[in-house]
Amino acid sequence: MNTHAFTFFGASLQALPSGALYWPDRALLVVSDLHLGKSARLSAVGGAQLPPYETRETLQRLDADLAATGANRVICLGDSFDAPGVDSALPEEDLLWITRLQAGRDWVWIAGNHDPAPVSLKGAHLAEYQLEALTFRHIATTDGMAEVSGHFHPKARLSLRGRSLTKPCFLLDGQRLILPAYGAYTGGLHCDAPVLSDLMAPDALAILTGSRPVAIPMPRRAPSRA
């Protein structure tokens, strides 16, 4: 598996092609914004139709990353489910799949704005989690330090050989690390959006996901001319 290795506050981390974060020294896999059950929720309220197996596609991706890394600890950085109560309304097959993934692993569910706490599932349910120097939470803070978060679903818009290309990405600066959305069909926010440009330091990097993760300067909008 191709990964992009980097160090963040003394932790040797790896950005995986899928958008997961792996900390080998702690056998820890971190994922954010799975939004499980999104297609079912949208269908129930008459919203945009998504492929009906997005939850299973996301679980398959998570299953593969756990197998490849051998991680025995997992942190889900919030919005693991698309709405409160979805965790108990998934098909039994999907719930059993999640239970199997949790078996033998320490599992932490961080509260998100879509799913305050998937309390029907095993694992710790926390607002944030501290491990050594790193703080894991759902939404980055303006004064945060050594924080790992999600929420924004960052993606980078690039121009390659005259074509426009968009890829989910990690955002990294000297204070914070923001993970891309892990779930299938979750959409995203371009990293040159003002909220992300204001949040991230001028020298921030975007680590593009895909078969060969690579770090580039975080794309930003050109300043407007007077």
Protein backbone atom coordinates (compact mmCIF):
# COMPACT_ATOMS: atom_id res chain seq x y z
CA MET A 1 0.00 0.00 0.00
CA ASN A 2 1.35 3.42 -0.97
CA THR A 3 1.16 5.93 1.87
CA HIS A 4 2.43 9.43 2.61
CA ALA A 5 4.46 9.46 5.82
CA PHE A 6 4.85 12.58 7.93
CA THR A 7 5.49 13.63 11.53
CA PHE A 8 3.01 15.62 13.59
CA PHE A 9 3.93 16.66 17.15
CA GLY A 10 6.33 13.74 17.49
CA ALA A 11 3.91 11.14 16.08
CA SER A 12 5.01 9.29 12.95
CA LEU A 13 1.82 9.11 10.89
CA GLN A 14 0.74 7.82 7.50
CA ALA A 15 -1.93 9.19 5.18
CA LEU A 16 -3.54 6.21 3.46
CA PRO A 17 -4.92 6.24 -0.12
CA SER A 18 -8.47 5.82 1.26
CA GLY A 19 -8.36 8.96 3.40
CA ALA A 20 -7.70 7.09 6.65
CA LEU A 21 -4.86 8.07 8.98
CA TYR A 22 -2.61 5.39 10.44
CA TRP A 23 -0.31 5.69 13.47
CA PRO A 24 1.87 2.56 13.29
CA ASP A 25 3.51 2.96 16.71
CA ARG A 26 0.07 2.87 18.33
CA ALA A 27 -1.55 0.41 15.86
CA LEU A 28 -4.21 3.12 15.51
CA LEU A 29 -6.45 3.80 12.51
CA VAL A 30 -8.34 7.11 12.40
CA VAL A 31 -11.24 7.83 10.03
CA SER A 32 -13.67 10.70 9.79
CA ASP A 33 -17.11 11.43 8.40
CA LEU A 34 -18.24 7.97 7.34
CA HIS A 35 -21.86 9.21 7.11
CA LEU A 36 -23.17 5.66 7.19
CA GLY A 37 -26.83 5.41 6.22
CA LYS A 38 -26.79 8.56 4.09
CA SER A 39 -28.58 7.05 1.09
CA ALA A 40 -31.36 5.62 3.29
CA ARG A 41 -31.89 8.94 5.08
CA LEU A 42 -32.06 10.93 1.84
CA SER A 43 -34.45 8.42 0.32
CA ALA A 44 -36.73 8.64 3.36
CA VAL A 45 -37.04 12.44 3.10
CA GLY A 46 -37.28 12.58 -0.69
CA GLY A 47 -33.80 13.98 -1.19
CA ALA A 48 -31.19 13.30 -3.85
CA GLN A 49 -30.87 9.62 -4.64
CA LEU A 50 -27.52 7.95 -3.98
CA PRO A 51 -26.40 4.41 -4.82
CA PRO A 52 -28.13 2.19 -2.24
CA TYR A 53 -24.99 0.40 -1.11
CA GLU A 54 -22.88 3.39 -0.03
CA THR A 55 -22.78 2.10 3.57
CA ARG A 56 -21.43 -1.27 2.48
CA GLU A 57 -18.88 0.37 0.19
CA THR A 58 -17.63 2.43 3.14
CA LEU A 59 -17.53 -0.59 5.45
CA GLN A 60 -15.68 -2.59 2.80
CA ARG A 61 -13.07 0.18 2.59
CA LEU A 62 -12.71 0.24 6.37
CA ASP A 63 -12.46 -3.54 6.50
CA ALA A 64 -9.66 -3.46 3.93
CA ASP A 65 -7.71 -0.75 5.77
CA LEU A 66 -7.96 -2.62 9.07
CA ALA A 67 -6.74 -5.80 7.43
CA ALA A 68 -3.88 -4.05 5.64
CA THR A 69 -2.62 -2.15 8.69
CA GLY A 70 -3.39 -4.67 11.43
CA ALA A 71 -4.71 -1.80 13.57
CA ASN A 72 -6.19 -2.84 16.91
CA ARG A 73 -7.38 0.66 17.85
CA VAL A 74 -9.84 2.82 15.91
CA ILE A 75 -10.98 6.41 16.33
CA CYS A 76 -13.97 7.64 14.31
CA LEU A 77 -13.82 11.44 14.29
CA GLY A 78 -17.55 12.14 14.25
CA ASP A 79 -20.38 12.08 11.73
CA SER A 80 -19.92 8.34 11.55
CA PHE A 81 -23.67 8.16 10.86
CA ASP A 82 -25.66 10.58 8.78
CA ALA A 83 -28.25 11.43 11.43
CA PRO A 84 -29.13 10.58 15.04
CA GLY A 85 -30.67 7.12 15.31
CA VAL A 86 -29.35 5.84 11.99
CA ASP A 87 -26.94 3.60 13.90
CA SER A 88 -29.86 1.51 15.18
CA ALA A 89 -31.79 1.61 11.89
CA LEU A 90 -29.18 0.13 9.56
CA PRO A 91 -29.89 -3.30 8.03
CA GLU A 92 -28.92 -6.13 10.35
CA GLU A 93 -26.22 -7.25 7.93
CA ASP A 94 -24.49 -3.86 8.16
CA LEU A 95 -24.78 -3.74 11.95
CA LEU A 96 -23.24 -7.20 12.19
CA TRP A 97 -20.43 -6.07 9.91
CA ILE A 98 -19.65 -3.15 12.23
CA THR A 99 -19.76 -5.48 15.24
CA ARG A 100 -17.29 -7.79 13.54
CA LEU A 101 -14.94 -4.89 12.77
CA GLN A 102 -15.08 -3.81 16.42
CA ALA A 103 -14.33 -7.29 17.80
CA GLY A 104 -10.98 -7.36 19.59
CA ARG A 105 -10.31 -3.66 18.97
CA ASP A 106 -10.44 -0.57 21.16
CA TRP A 107 -12.98 1.66 19.45
CA VAL A 108 -13.70 5.35 20.08
CA TRP A 109 -16.69 7.18 18.62
CA ILE A 110 -16.16 10.96 18.67
CA ALA A 111 -19.39 12.95 18.67
CA GLY A 112 -20.14 14.85 15.47
CA ASN A 113 -22.73 17.41 14.48
CA HIS A 114 -24.74 14.77 12.57
CA ASP A 115 -24.49 11.99 15.17
CA PRO A 116 -23.95 13.17 18.76
CA ALA A 117 -23.47 9.58 19.95
CA PRO A 118 -24.14 6.21 18.26
CA VAL A 119 -24.98 4.77 21.67
CA SER A 120 -26.48 1.55 20.30
CA LEU A 121 -22.99 0.40 19.32
CA LYS A 122 -20.16 -0.73 21.54
CA GLY A 123 -17.08 1.39 22.13
CA ALA A 124 -16.30 4.61 23.98
CA HIS A 125 -18.48 7.63 23.11
CA LEU A 126 -16.61 10.89 23.71
CA ALA A 127 -16.64 14.57 22.79
CA GLU A 128 -12.88 14.40 22.18
CA TYR A 129 -10.01 12.06 22.90
CA GLN A 130 -6.44 12.70 24.01
CA LEU A 131 -3.60 10.34 23.11
CA GLU A 132 -0.12 11.52 24.02
CA ALA A 133 0.30 14.99 22.49
CA LEU A 134 -2.61 14.68 20.06
CA THR A 135 -6.21 15.73 20.61
CA PHE A 136 -8.84 14.05 18.42
CA ARG A 137 -12.09 15.98 17.89
CA HIS A 138 -14.70 16.47 15.20
CA ILE A 139 -14.28 20.15 14.32
CA ALA A 140 -10.99 22.07 14.29
CA THR A 141 -10.73 25.06 16.59
CA THR A 142 -9.11 28.39 15.78
CA ASP A 143 -6.76 28.14 18.75
CA GLY A 144 -6.25 24.36 18.63
CA MET A 145 -2.84 22.81 19.02
CA ALA A 146 -1.83 19.29 17.99
CA GLU A 147 -5.42 18.53 17.01
CA VAL A 148 -6.69 15.94 14.57
CA SER A 149 -10.18 16.55 13.23
CA GLY A 150 -12.59 16.09 10.32
CA HIS A 151 -15.96 17.75 9.58
CA PHE A 152 -15.00 19.88 6.57
CA HIS A 153 -14.54 17.06 4.00
CA PRO A 154 -11.63 18.96 2.37
CA LYS A 155 -10.87 18.41 -1.29
CA ALA A 156 -8.35 20.01 -3.62
CA ARG A 157 -9.16 21.34 -7.08
CA LEU A 158 -6.24 20.97 -9.49
CA SER A 159 -5.48 21.60 -13.13
CA LEU A 160 -3.62 18.78 -14.83
CA ARG A 161 -2.75 18.92 -18.53
CA GLY A 162 -5.58 21.30 -19.17
CA ARG A 163 -8.12 19.23 -17.26
CA SER A 164 -9.73 20.06 -13.94
CA LEU A 165 -9.27 17.38 -11.27
CA THR A 166 -10.71 17.22 -7.75
CA LYS A 167 -9.43 14.92 -5.02
CA PRO A 168 -10.24 14.55 -1.32
CA CYS A 169 -7.27 15.59 0.77
CA PHE A 170 -5.80 15.88 4.24
CA LEU A 171 -4.90 19.41 5.35
CA LEU A 172 -1.80 19.82 7.50
CA ASP A 173 -0.07 22.76 9.13
CA GLY A 174 2.00 23.25 12.26
CA GLN A 175 -1.02 23.13 14.59
CA ARG A 176 -3.73 20.96 13.10
CA LEU A 177 -4.47 18.05 10.82
CA ILE A 178 -7.86 17.78 9.08
CA LEU A 179 -8.90 14.45 7.56
CA PRO A 180 -10.96 14.04 4.39
CA ALA A 181 -14.37 12.40 4.51
CA TYR A 182 -14.00 8.62 4.52
CA GLY A 183 -17.55 7.72 3.51
CA ALA A 184 -18.63 7.00 -0.04
CA TYR A 185 -20.56 9.80 -1.78
CA THR A 186 -19.97 12.34 0.98
CA GLY A 187 -19.05 15.33 -1.16
CA GLY A 188 -16.60 17.92 0.10
CA LEU A 189 -15.48 21.51 0.56
CA HIS A 190 -12.76 22.91 -1.67
CA CYS A 191 -9.75 23.76 0.44
CA ASP A 192 -9.56 27.24 -1.06
CA ALA A 193 -12.90 28.06 0.61
CA PRO A 194 -12.52 31.02 2.99
CA VAL A 195 -13.29 29.00 6.13
CA LEU A 196 -10.39 26.63 5.41
CA SER A 197 -8.05 29.31 4.08
CA ASP A 198 -8.62 31.29 7.27
CA LEU A 199 -8.17 28.24 9.50
CA MET A 200 -4.98 26.83 7.99
CA ALA A 201 -1.56 28.50 8.16
CA PRO A 202 -0.08 30.04 4.97
CA ASP A 203 2.40 27.16 4.64
CA ALA A 204 -0.25 24.43 5.00
CA LEU A 205 -0.06 21.31 2.88
CA ALA A 206 -2.77 19.32 1.14
CA ILE A 207 -2.09 15.57 1.06
CA LEU A 208 -4.05 14.19 -1.87
CA THR A 209 -5.74 10.82 -1.52
CA GLY A 210 -5.67 8.17 -4.21
CA SER A 211 -3.46 5.30 -5.24
CA ARG A 212 -0.31 7.31 -4.49
CA PRO A 213 -0.91 10.00 -1.84
CA VAL A 214 1.23 13.08 -2.39
CA ALA A 215 1.64 16.38 -0.54
CA ILE A 216 1.34 19.73 -2.33
CA PRO A 217 1.00 23.31 -1.08
CA MET A 218 -2.60 23.83 -0.04
CA PRO A 219 -4.39 25.45 -3.01
CA ARG A 220 -5.69 28.93 -2.23
CA ARG A 221 -7.65 31.50 -4.16
CA ALA A 222 -5.59 34.18 -5.83
CA PRO A 223 -6.06 37.54 -4.10
CA SER A 224 -8.58 39.72 -5.88
CA ARG A 225 -7.30 42.81 -7.69
CA ALA A 226 -8.52 46.20 -6.71
